[in-house]
């Protein structure tokens, strides 16, 4: 994966970890309508934000969609940082 895209993804992960209050507010709002697992819902939002950034940055920086190899690298990056993401969710 292009280093610029990798850096953008890592920055987005860091941002998601720091700015988790907004995600928590959304999660609590949806809990009112019957979402059972707040932690899973929060994780889904965070991963969605990071994936959106990956998709956008790949198109913006490289001018094309990600290749299969680049997507696999993206998955490796978020998997490697999954414990950080889970810890933030647990500590909410």
PDB file of N, CA and C in Angstrom:
ATOM      1  N   UNK A   1       0.851  -1.171   0.000  1.00  0.00           N
ATOM      2  CA  UNK A   1       0.000   0.000   0.000  1.00  0.00           C
ATOM      3  C   UNK A   1       0.899   1.237   0.000  1.00  0.00           C
ATOM      4  N   UNK A   2       0.468   2.249  -0.664  1.00  0.00           N
ATOM      5  CA  UNK A   2       1.195   3.511  -0.710  1.00  0.00           C
ATOM      6  C   UNK A   2       1.346   4.069   0.711  1.00  0.00           C
ATOM      7  N   UNK A   3       2.541   4.552   1.038  1.00  0.00           N
ATOM      8  CA  UNK A   3       2.801   5.062   2.387  1.00  0.00           C
ATOM      9  C   UNK A   3       1.857   6.192   2.775  1.00  0.00           C
ATOM     10  N   UNK A   4       1.448   7.000   1.823  1.00  0.00           N
ATOM     11  CA  UNK A   4       0.528   8.105   2.124  1.00  0.00           C
ATOM     12  C   UNK A   4      -0.832   7.575   2.580  1.00  0.00           C
ATOM     13  N   UNK A   5      -1.273   6.508   1.953  1.00  0.00           N
ATOM     14  CA  UNK A   5      -2.548   5.904   2.359  1.00  0.00           C
ATOM     15  C   UNK A   5      -2.393   5.249   3.727  1.00  0.00           C
ATOM     16  N   UNK A   6      -1.304   4.527   3.938  1.00  0.00           N
ATOM     17  CA  UNK A   6      -1.047   3.893   5.233  1.00  0.00           C
ATOM     18  C   UNK A   6      -1.031   4.934   6.346  1.00  0.00           C
ATOM     19  N   UNK A   7      -0.341   6.042   6.109  1.00  0.00           N
ATOM     20  CA  UNK A   7      -0.282   7.104   7.115  1.00  0.00           C
ATOM     21  C   UNK A   7      -1.659   7.692   7.390  1.00  0.00           C
ATOM     22  N   UNK A   8      -2.456   7.870   6.347  1.00  0.00           N
ATOM     23  CA  UNK A   8      -3.810   8.405   6.523  1.00  0.00           C
ATOM     24  C   UNK A   8      -4.668   7.449   7.346  1.00  0.00           C
ATOM     25  N   UNK A   9      -4.524   6.150   7.110  1.00  0.00           N
ATOM     26  CA  UNK A   9      -5.299   5.155   7.856  1.00  0.00           C
ATOM     27  C   UNK A   9      -4.886   5.150   9.326  1.00  0.00           C
ATOM     28  N   UNK A  10      -3.593   5.148   9.574  1.00  0.00           N
ATOM     29  CA  UNK A  10      -3.113   5.158  10.962  1.00  0.00           C
ATOM     30  C   UNK A  10      -3.563   6.423  11.686  1.00  0.00           C
ATOM     31  N   UNK A  11      -3.537   7.548  10.987  1.00  0.00           N
ATOM     32  CA  UNK A  11      -4.013   8.798  11.576  1.00  0.00           C
ATOM     33  C   UNK A  11      -5.505   8.697  11.903  1.00  0.00           C
ATOM     34  N   UNK A  12      -6.281   8.084  11.026  1.00  0.00           N
ATOM     35  CA  UNK A  12      -7.720   7.922  11.252  1.00  0.00           C
ATOM     36  C   UNK A  12      -7.975   7.004  12.442  1.00  0.00           C
ATOM     37  N   UNK A  13      -7.186   5.952  12.589  1.00  0.00           N
ATOM     38  CA  UNK A  13      -7.331   5.071  13.748  1.00  0.00           C
ATOM     39  C   UNK A  13      -7.053   5.860  15.023  1.00  0.00           C
ATOM     40  N   UNK A  14      -5.963   6.626  15.032  1.00  0.00           N
ATOM     41  CA  UNK A  14      -5.644   7.448  16.205  1.00  0.00           C
ATOM     42  C   UNK A  14      -6.771   8.424  16.514  1.00  0.00           C
ATOM     43  N   UNK A  15      -7.310   9.048  15.481  1.00  0.00           N
ATOM     44  CA  UNK A  15      -8.415   9.989  15.642  1.00  0.00           C
ATOM     45  C   UNK A  15      -9.643   9.280  16.215  1.00  0.00           C
ATOM     46  N   UNK A  16      -9.944   8.100  15.722  1.00  0.00           N
ATOM     47  CA  UNK A  16     -11.104   7.355  16.207  1.00  0.00           C
ATOM     48  C   UNK A  16     -10.938   6.983  17.676  1.00  0.00           C
ATOM     49  N   UNK A  17      -9.714   6.703  18.085  1.00  0.00           N
ATOM     50  CA  UNK A  17      -9.461   6.348  19.475  1.00  0.00           C
ATOM     51  C   UNK A  17      -9.630   7.554  20.398  1.00  0.00           C
ATOM     52  N   UNK A  18      -9.239   8.714  19.928  1.00  0.00           N
ATOM     53  CA  UNK A  18      -9.318   9.926  20.740  1.00  0.00           C
ATOM     54  C   UNK A  18     -10.730  10.513  20.742  1.00  0.00           C
ATOM     55  N   UNK A  19     -11.395  10.441  19.624  1.00  0.00           N
ATOM     56  CA  UNK A  19     -12.707  11.076  19.478  1.00  0.00           C
ATOM     57  C   UNK A  19     -13.853  10.073  19.623  1.00  0.00           C
ATOM     58  N   UNK A  20     -13.750   9.202  20.590  1.00  0.00           N
ATOM     59  CA  UNK A  20     -14.765   8.158  20.737  1.00  0.00           C
ATOM     60  C   UNK A  20     -16.032   8.646  21.427  1.00  0.00           C
ATOM     61  N   UNK A  21     -16.029   9.843  22.004  1.00  0.00           N
ATOM     62  CA  UNK A  21     -17.219  10.350  22.691  1.00  0.00           C
ATOM     63  C   UNK A  21     -18.409  10.486  21.746  1.00  0.00           C
ATOM     64  N   UNK A  22     -18.173  10.969  20.530  1.00  0.00           N
ATOM     65  CA  UNK A  22     -19.256  11.109  19.564  1.00  0.00           C
ATOM     66  C   UNK A  22     -19.864   9.767  19.207  1.00  0.00           C
ATOM     67  N   UNK A  23     -19.017   8.771  19.054  1.00  0.00           N
ATOM     68  CA  UNK A  23     -19.491   7.421  18.741  1.00  0.00           C
ATOM     69  C   UNK A  23     -20.327   6.890  19.893  1.00  0.00           C
ATOM     70  N   UNK A  24     -19.886   7.156  21.108  1.00  0.00           N
ATOM     71  CA  UNK A  24     -20.636   6.714  22.283  1.00  0.00           C
ATOM     72  C   UNK A  24     -22.016   7.371  22.328  1.00  0.00           C
ATOM     73  N   UNK A  25     -22.104   8.639  21.987  1.00  0.00           N
ATOM     74  CA  UNK A  25     -23.393   9.328  21.967  1.00  0.00           C
ATOM     75  C   UNK A  25     -24.331   8.705  20.934  1.00  0.00           C
ATOM     76  N   UNK A  26     -23.797   8.393  19.749  1.00  0.00           N
ATOM     77  CA  UNK A  26     -24.607   7.747  18.714  1.00  0.00           C
ATOM     78  C   UNK A  26     -25.077   6.378  19.200  1.00  0.00           C
ATOM     79  N   UNK A  27     -24.172   5.636  19.800  1.00  0.00           N
ATOM     80  CA  UNK A  27     -24.503   4.305  20.283  1.00  0.00           C
ATOM     81  C   UNK A  27     -25.615   4.349  21.319  1.00  0.00           C
ATOM     82  N   UNK A  28     -25.522   5.276  22.232  1.00  0.00           N
ATOM     83  CA  UNK A  28     -26.549   5.386  23.268  1.00  0.00           C
ATOM     84  C   UNK A  28     -27.898   5.757  22.673  1.00  0.00           C
ATOM     85  N   UNK A  29     -27.881   6.593  21.650  1.00  0.00           N
ATOM     86  CA  UNK A  29     -29.132   6.955  20.984  1.00  0.00           C
ATOM     87  C   UNK A  29     -29.763   5.733  20.327  1.00  0.00           C
ATOM     88  N   UNK A  30     -28.952   4.898  19.691  1.00  0.00           N
ATOM     89  CA  UNK A  30     -29.494   3.708  19.038  1.00  0.00           C
ATOM     90  C   UNK A  30     -29.873   2.628  20.038  1.00  0.00           C
ATOM     91  N   UNK A  31     -29.262   2.630  21.198  1.00  0.00           N
ATOM     92  CA  UNK A  31     -29.634   1.657  22.219  1.00  0.00           C
ATOM     93  C   UNK A  31     -31.090   1.858  22.638  1.00  0.00           C
ATOM     94  N   UNK A  32     -31.533   3.089  22.571  1.00  0.00           N
ATOM     95  CA  UNK A  32     -32.922   3.397  22.910  1.00  0.00           C
ATOM     96  C   UNK A  32     -33.913   2.719  21.972  1.00  0.00           C
ATOM     97  N   UNK A  33     -33.465   2.377  20.761  1.00  0.00           N
ATOM     98  CA  UNK A  33     -34.371   1.732  19.805  1.00  0.00           C
ATOM     99  C   UNK A  33     -34.127   0.226  19.696  1.00  0.00           C
ATOM    100  N   UNK A  34     -33.380  -0.337  20.648  1.00  0.00           N
ATOM    101  CA  UNK A  34     -33.291  -1.788  20.729  1.00  0.00           C
ATOM    102  C   UNK A  34     -31.994  -2.437  20.289  1.00  0.00           C
ATOM    103  N   UNK A  35     -30.936  -1.678  20.041  1.00  0.00           N
ATOM    104  CA  UNK A  35     -29.645  -2.296  19.727  1.00  0.00           C
ATOM    105  C   UNK A  35     -29.136  -2.955  21.010  1.00  0.00           C
ATOM    106  N   UNK A  36     -28.878  -4.250  20.958  1.00  0.00           N
ATOM    107  CA  UNK A  36     -28.524  -5.012  22.157  1.00  0.00           C
ATOM    108  C   UNK A  36     -27.086  -4.782  22.628  1.00  0.00           C
ATOM    109  N   UNK A  37     -26.129  -4.948  21.753  1.00  0.00           N
ATOM    110  CA  UNK A  37     -24.726  -4.894  22.159  1.00  0.00           C
ATOM    111  C   UNK A  37     -24.124  -3.536  21.815  1.00  0.00           C
ATOM    112  N   UNK A  38     -24.015  -2.704  22.818  1.00  0.00           N
ATOM    113  CA  UNK A  38     -23.454  -1.368  22.607  1.00  0.00           C
ATOM    114  C   UNK A  38     -21.997  -1.451  22.137  1.00  0.00           C
ATOM    115  N   UNK A  39     -21.219  -2.368  22.707  1.00  0.00           N
ATOM    116  CA  UNK A  39     -19.805  -2.493  22.323  1.00  0.00           C
ATOM    117  C   UNK A  39     -19.664  -2.881  20.857  1.00  0.00           C
ATOM    118  N   UNK A  40     -20.478  -3.817  20.394  1.00  0.00           N
ATOM    119  CA  UNK A  40     -20.422  -4.220  18.987  1.00  0.00           C
ATOM    120  C   UNK A  40     -20.832  -3.080  18.070  1.00  0.00           C
ATOM    121  N   UNK A  41     -21.834  -2.323  18.491  1.00  0.00           N
ATOM    122  CA  UNK A  41     -22.296  -1.191  17.698  1.00  0.00           C
ATOM    123  C   UNK A  41     -21.199  -0.135  17.590  1.00  0.00           C
ATOM    124  N   UNK A  42     -20.546   0.175  18.715  1.00  0.00           N
ATOM    125  CA  UNK A  42     -19.454   1.151  18.715  1.00  0.00           C
ATOM    126  C   UNK A  42     -18.322   0.665  17.819  1.00  0.00           C
ATOM    127  N   UNK A  43     -17.961  -0.600  17.946  1.00  0.00           N
ATOM    128  CA  UNK A  43     -16.907  -1.162  17.105  1.00  0.00           C
ATOM    129  C   UNK A  43     -17.263  -1.027  15.628  1.00  0.00           C
ATOM    130  N   UNK A  44     -18.514  -1.298  15.280  1.00  0.00           N
ATOM    131  CA  UNK A  44     -18.959  -1.167  13.895  1.00  0.00           C
ATOM    132  C   UNK A  44     -18.810   0.248  13.370  1.00  0.00           C
ATOM    133  N   UNK A  45     -19.160   1.229  14.192  1.00  0.00           N
ATOM    134  CA  UNK A  45     -19.016   2.630  13.775  1.00  0.00           C
ATOM    135  C   UNK A  45     -17.554   2.976  13.581  1.00  0.00           C
ATOM    136  N   UNK A  46     -16.720   2.593  14.519  1.00  0.00           N
ATOM    137  CA  UNK A  46     -15.290   2.924  14.425  1.00  0.00           C
ATOM    138  C   UNK A  46     -14.661   2.281  13.188  1.00  0.00           C
ATOM    139  N   UNK A  47     -14.911   1.004  12.984  1.00  0.00           N
ATOM    140  CA  UNK A  47     -14.350   0.319  11.812  1.00  0.00           C
ATOM    141  C   UNK A  47     -14.907   0.933  10.528  1.00  0.00           C
ATOM    142  N   UNK A  48     -16.176   1.297  10.534  1.00  0.00           N
ATOM    143  CA  UNK A  48     -16.771   1.952   9.368  1.00  0.00           C
ATOM    144  C   UNK A  48     -16.100   3.272   9.046  1.00  0.00           C
ATOM    145  N   UNK A  49     -15.808   4.059  10.074  1.00  0.00           N
ATOM    146  CA  UNK A  49     -15.123   5.339   9.851  1.00  0.00           C
ATOM    147  C   UNK A  49     -13.729   5.117   9.277  1.00  0.00           C
ATOM    148  N   UNK A  50     -13.034   4.125   9.818  1.00  0.00           N
ATOM    149  CA  UNK A  50     -11.676   3.848   9.343  1.00  0.00           C
ATOM    150  C   UNK A  50     -11.716   3.320   7.908  1.00  0.00           C
ATOM    151  N   UNK A  51     -12.648   2.420   7.613  1.00  0.00           N
ATOM    152  CA  UNK A  51     -12.780   1.899   6.247  1.00  0.00           C
ATOM    153  C   UNK A  51     -13.117   3.029   5.276  1.00  0.00           C
ATOM    154  N   UNK A  52     -14.020   3.902   5.657  1.00  0.00           N
ATOM    155  CA  UNK A  52     -14.379   5.033   4.804  1.00  0.00           C
ATOM    156  C   UNK A  52     -13.154   5.889   4.496  1.00  0.00           C
ATOM    157  N   UNK A  53     -12.331   6.117   5.491  1.00  0.00           N
ATOM    158  CA  UNK A  53     -11.110   6.886   5.287  1.00  0.00           C
ATOM    159  C   UNK A  53     -10.163   6.166   4.327  1.00  0.00           C
ATOM    160  N   UNK A  54     -10.017   4.856   4.516  1.00  0.00           N
ATOM    161  CA  UNK A  54      -9.166   4.071   3.619  1.00  0.00           C
ATOM    162  C   UNK A  54      -9.649   4.193   2.180  1.00  0.00           C
ATOM    163  N   UNK A  55     -10.934   4.017   1.981  1.00  0.00           N
ATOM    164  CA  UNK A  55     -11.496   4.087   0.630  1.00  0.00           C
ATOM    165  C   UNK A  55     -11.301   5.488   0.034  1.00  0.00           C
ATOM    166  N   UNK A  56     -11.635   6.514   0.797  1.00  0.00           N
ATOM    167  CA  UNK A  56     -11.515   7.885   0.318  1.00  0.00           C
ATOM    168  C   UNK A  56     -10.059   8.248   0.024  1.00  0.00           C
ATOM    169  N   UNK A  57      -9.156   7.925   0.944  1.00  0.00           N
ATOM    170  CA  UNK A  57      -7.748   8.303   0.771  1.00  0.00           C
ATOM    171  C   UNK A  57      -7.110   7.565  -0.398  1.00  0.00           C
ATOM    172  N   UNK A  58      -7.479   6.323  -0.609  1.00  0.00           N
ATOM    173  CA  UNK A  58      -6.942   5.584  -1.751  1.00  0.00           C
ATOM    174  C   UNK A  58      -7.364   6.254  -3.051  1.00  0.00           C
ATOM    175  N   UNK A  59      -8.630   6.625  -3.122  1.00  0.00           N
ATOM    176  CA  UNK A  59      -9.120   7.289  -4.339  1.00  0.00           C
ATOM    177  C   UNK A  59      -8.518   8.684  -4.506  1.00  0.00           C
ATOM    178  N   UNK A  60      -8.388   9.416  -3.395  1.00  0.00           N
ATOM    179  CA  UNK A  60      -7.863  10.777  -3.465  1.00  0.00           C
ATOM    180  C   UNK A  60      -6.372  10.789  -3.791  1.00  0.00           C
ATOM    181  N   UNK A  61      -5.620   9.974  -3.104  1.00  0.00           N
ATOM    182  CA  UNK A  61      -4.160   9.981  -3.260  1.00  0.00           C
ATOM    183  C   UNK A  61      -3.730   9.246  -4.524  1.00  0.00           C
ATOM    184  N   UNK A  62      -4.303   8.076  -4.758  1.00  0.00           N
ATOM    185  CA  UNK A  62      -3.858   7.252  -5.881  1.00  0.00           C
ATOM    186  C   UNK A  62      -4.725   7.406  -7.124  1.00  0.00           C
ATOM    187  N   UNK A  63      -5.891   8.019  -6.971  1.00  0.00           N
ATOM    188  CA  UNK A  63      -6.781   8.220  -8.106  1.00  0.00           C
ATOM    189  C   UNK A  63      -7.452   6.949  -8.610  1.00  0.00           C
ATOM    190  N   UNK A  64      -7.597   5.974  -7.709  1.00  0.00           N
ATOM    191  CA  UNK A  64      -8.211   4.704  -8.100  1.00  0.00           C
ATOM    192  C   UNK A  64      -8.680   3.979  -6.855  1.00  0.00           C
ATOM    193  N   UNK A  65      -9.443   2.912  -7.064  1.00  0.00           N
ATOM    194  CA  UNK A  65      -9.846   2.053  -5.956  1.00  0.00           C
ATOM    195  C   UNK A  65      -8.659   1.211  -5.504  1.00  0.00           C
ATOM    196  N   UNK A  66      -8.734   0.743  -4.285  1.00  0.00           N
ATOM    197  CA  UNK A  66      -7.679  -0.101  -3.738  1.00  0.00           C
ATOM    198  C   UNK A  66      -7.645  -1.451  -4.447  1.00  0.00           C
ATOM    199  N   UNK A  67      -6.454  -1.997  -4.557  1.00  0.00           N
ATOM    200  CA  UNK A  67      -6.306  -3.350  -5.082  1.00  0.00           C
ATOM    201  C   UNK A  67      -6.619  -4.343  -3.965  1.00  0.00           C
ATOM    202  N   UNK A  68      -6.722  -5.604  -4.311  1.00  0.00           N
ATOM    203  CA  UNK A  68      -6.952  -6.654  -3.313  1.00  0.00           C
ATOM    204  C   UNK A  68      -5.804  -6.676  -2.305  1.00  0.00           C
ATOM    205  N   UNK A  69      -4.575  -6.549  -2.786  1.00  0.00           N
ATOM    206  CA  UNK A  69      -3.418  -6.540  -1.878  1.00  0.00           C
ATOM    207  C   UNK A  69      -3.465  -5.353  -0.926  1.00  0.00           C
ATOM    208  N   UNK A  70      -3.844  -4.188  -1.430  1.00  0.00           N
ATOM    209  CA  UNK A  70      -3.944  -3.004  -0.575  1.00  0.00           C
ATOM    210  C   UNK A  70      -5.045  -3.176   0.465  1.00  0.00           C
ATOM    211  N   UNK A  71      -6.167  -3.756   0.052  1.00  0.00           N
ATOM    212  CA  UNK A  71      -7.249  -4.002   1.006  1.00  0.00           C
ATOM    213  C   UNK A  71      -6.798  -4.988   2.072  1.00  0.00           C
ATOM    214  N   UNK A  72      -6.081  -6.031   1.675  1.00  0.00           N
ATOM    215  CA  UNK A  72      -5.562  -6.998   2.648  1.00  0.00           C
ATOM    216  C   UNK A  72      -4.614  -6.324   3.631  1.00  0.00           C
ATOM    217  N   UNK A  73      -3.802  -5.400   3.152  1.00  0.00           N
ATOM    218  CA  UNK A  73      -2.899  -4.668   4.038  1.00  0.00           C
ATOM    219  C   UNK A  73      -3.695  -3.792   5.006  1.00  0.00           C
ATOM    220  N   UNK A  74      -4.758  -3.164   4.508  1.00  0.00           N
ATOM    221  CA  UNK A  74      -5.642  -2.375   5.370  1.00  0.00           C
ATOM    222  C   UNK A  74      -6.195  -3.253   6.492  1.00  0.00           C
ATOM    223  N   UNK A  75      -6.652  -4.445   6.146  1.00  0.00           N
ATOM    224  CA  UNK A  75      -7.187  -5.365   7.150  1.00  0.00           C
ATOM    225  C   UNK A  75      -6.108  -5.728   8.160  1.00  0.00           C
ATOM    226  N   UNK A  76      -4.893  -5.946   7.696  1.00  0.00           N
ATOM    227  CA  UNK A  76      -3.788  -6.255   8.617  1.00  0.00           C
ATOM    228  C   UNK A  76      -3.529  -5.089   9.580  1.00  0.00           C
ATOM    229  N   UNK A  77      -3.602  -3.870   9.082  1.00  0.00           N
ATOM    230  CA  UNK A  77      -3.362  -2.694   9.922  1.00  0.00           C
ATOM    231  C   UNK A  77      -4.413  -2.594  11.021  1.00  0.00           C
ATOM    232  N   UNK A  78      -5.690  -2.701  10.649  1.00  0.00           N
ATOM    233  CA  UNK A  78      -6.715  -2.549  11.683  1.00  0.00           C
ATOM    234  C   UNK A  78      -6.725  -3.746  12.638  1.00  0.00           C
ATOM    235  N   UNK A  79      -6.378  -4.910  12.133  1.00  0.00           N
ATOM    236  CA  UNK A  79      -6.298  -6.084  13.006  1.00  0.00           C
ATOM    237  C   UNK A  79      -5.168  -5.919  14.015  1.00  0.00           C
ATOM    238  N   UNK A  80      -4.034  -5.393  13.561  1.00  0.00           N
ATOM    239  CA  UNK A  80      -2.889  -5.188  14.451  1.00  0.00           C
ATOM    240  C   UNK A  80      -3.212  -4.193  15.564  1.00  0.00           C
ATOM    241  N   UNK A  81      -4.141  -3.291  15.311  1.00  0.00           N
ATOM    242  CA  UNK A  81      -4.489  -2.275  16.308  1.00  0.00           C
ATOM    243  C   UNK A  81      -5.828  -2.550  16.986  1.00  0.00           C
ATOM    244  N   UNK A  82      -6.360  -3.750  16.778  1.00  0.00           N
ATOM    245  CA  UNK A  82      -7.684  -4.072  17.306  1.00  0.00           C
ATOM    246  C   UNK A  82      -7.750  -4.009  18.831  1.00  0.00           C
ATOM    247  N   UNK A  83      -6.684  -4.389  19.507  1.00  0.00           N
ATOM    248  CA  UNK A  83      -6.705  -4.330  20.971  1.00  0.00           C
ATOM    249  C   UNK A  83      -6.832  -2.901  21.476  1.00  0.00           C
ATOM    250  N   UNK A  84      -6.178  -1.956  20.805  1.00  0.00           N
ATOM    251  CA  UNK A  84      -6.316  -0.543  21.171  1.00  0.00           C
ATOM    252  C   UNK A  84      -7.771  -0.101  21.032  1.00  0.00           C
ATOM    253  N   UNK A  85      -8.384  -0.496  19.940  1.00  0.00           N
ATOM    254  CA  UNK A  85      -9.768  -0.104  19.668  1.00  0.00           C
ATOM    255  C   UNK A  85     -10.691  -0.726  20.716  1.00  0.00           C
ATOM    256  N   UNK A  86     -10.493  -2.013  21.006  1.00  0.00           N
ATOM    257  CA  UNK A  86     -11.325  -2.693  22.004  1.00  0.00           C
ATOM    258  C   UNK A  86     -11.155  -2.073  23.393  1.00  0.00           C
ATOM    259  N   UNK A  87      -9.917  -1.704  23.734  1.00  0.00           N
ATOM    260  CA  UNK A  87      -9.668  -1.084  25.049  1.00  0.00           C
ATOM    261  C   UNK A  87     -10.409   0.232  25.197  1.00  0.00           C
ATOM    262  N   UNK A  88     -10.430   1.029  24.145  1.00  0.00           N
ATOM    263  CA  UNK A  88     -11.170   2.291  24.186  1.00  0.00           C
ATOM    264  C   UNK A  88     -12.654   2.025  24.409  1.00  0.00           C
ATOM    265  N   UNK A  89     -13.188   1.037  23.723  1.00  0.00           N
ATOM    266  CA  UNK A  89     -14.610   0.714  23.856  1.00  0.00           C
ATOM    267  C   UNK A  89     -14.916   0.237  25.279  1.00  0.00           C
ATOM    268  N   UNK A  90     -14.061  -0.615  25.834  1.00  0.00           N
ATOM    269  CA  UNK A  90     -14.277  -1.136  27.183  1.00  0.00           C
ATOM    270  C   UNK A  90     -14.262  -0.035  28.232  1.00  0.00           C
ATOM    271  N   UNK A  91     -13.440   0.990  28.005  1.00  0.00           N
ATOM    272  CA  UNK A  91     -13.263   2.046  28.989  1.00  0.00           C
ATOM    273  C   UNK A  91     -14.268   3.174  28.859  1.00  0.00           C
ATOM    274  N   UNK A  92     -15.273   3.011  28.024  1.00  0.00           N
ATOM    275  CA  UNK A  92     -16.296   4.061  27.856  1.00  0.00           C
ATOM    276  C   UNK A  92     -17.257   4.053  29.007  1.00  0.00           C
TER     277      UNK A  92
END
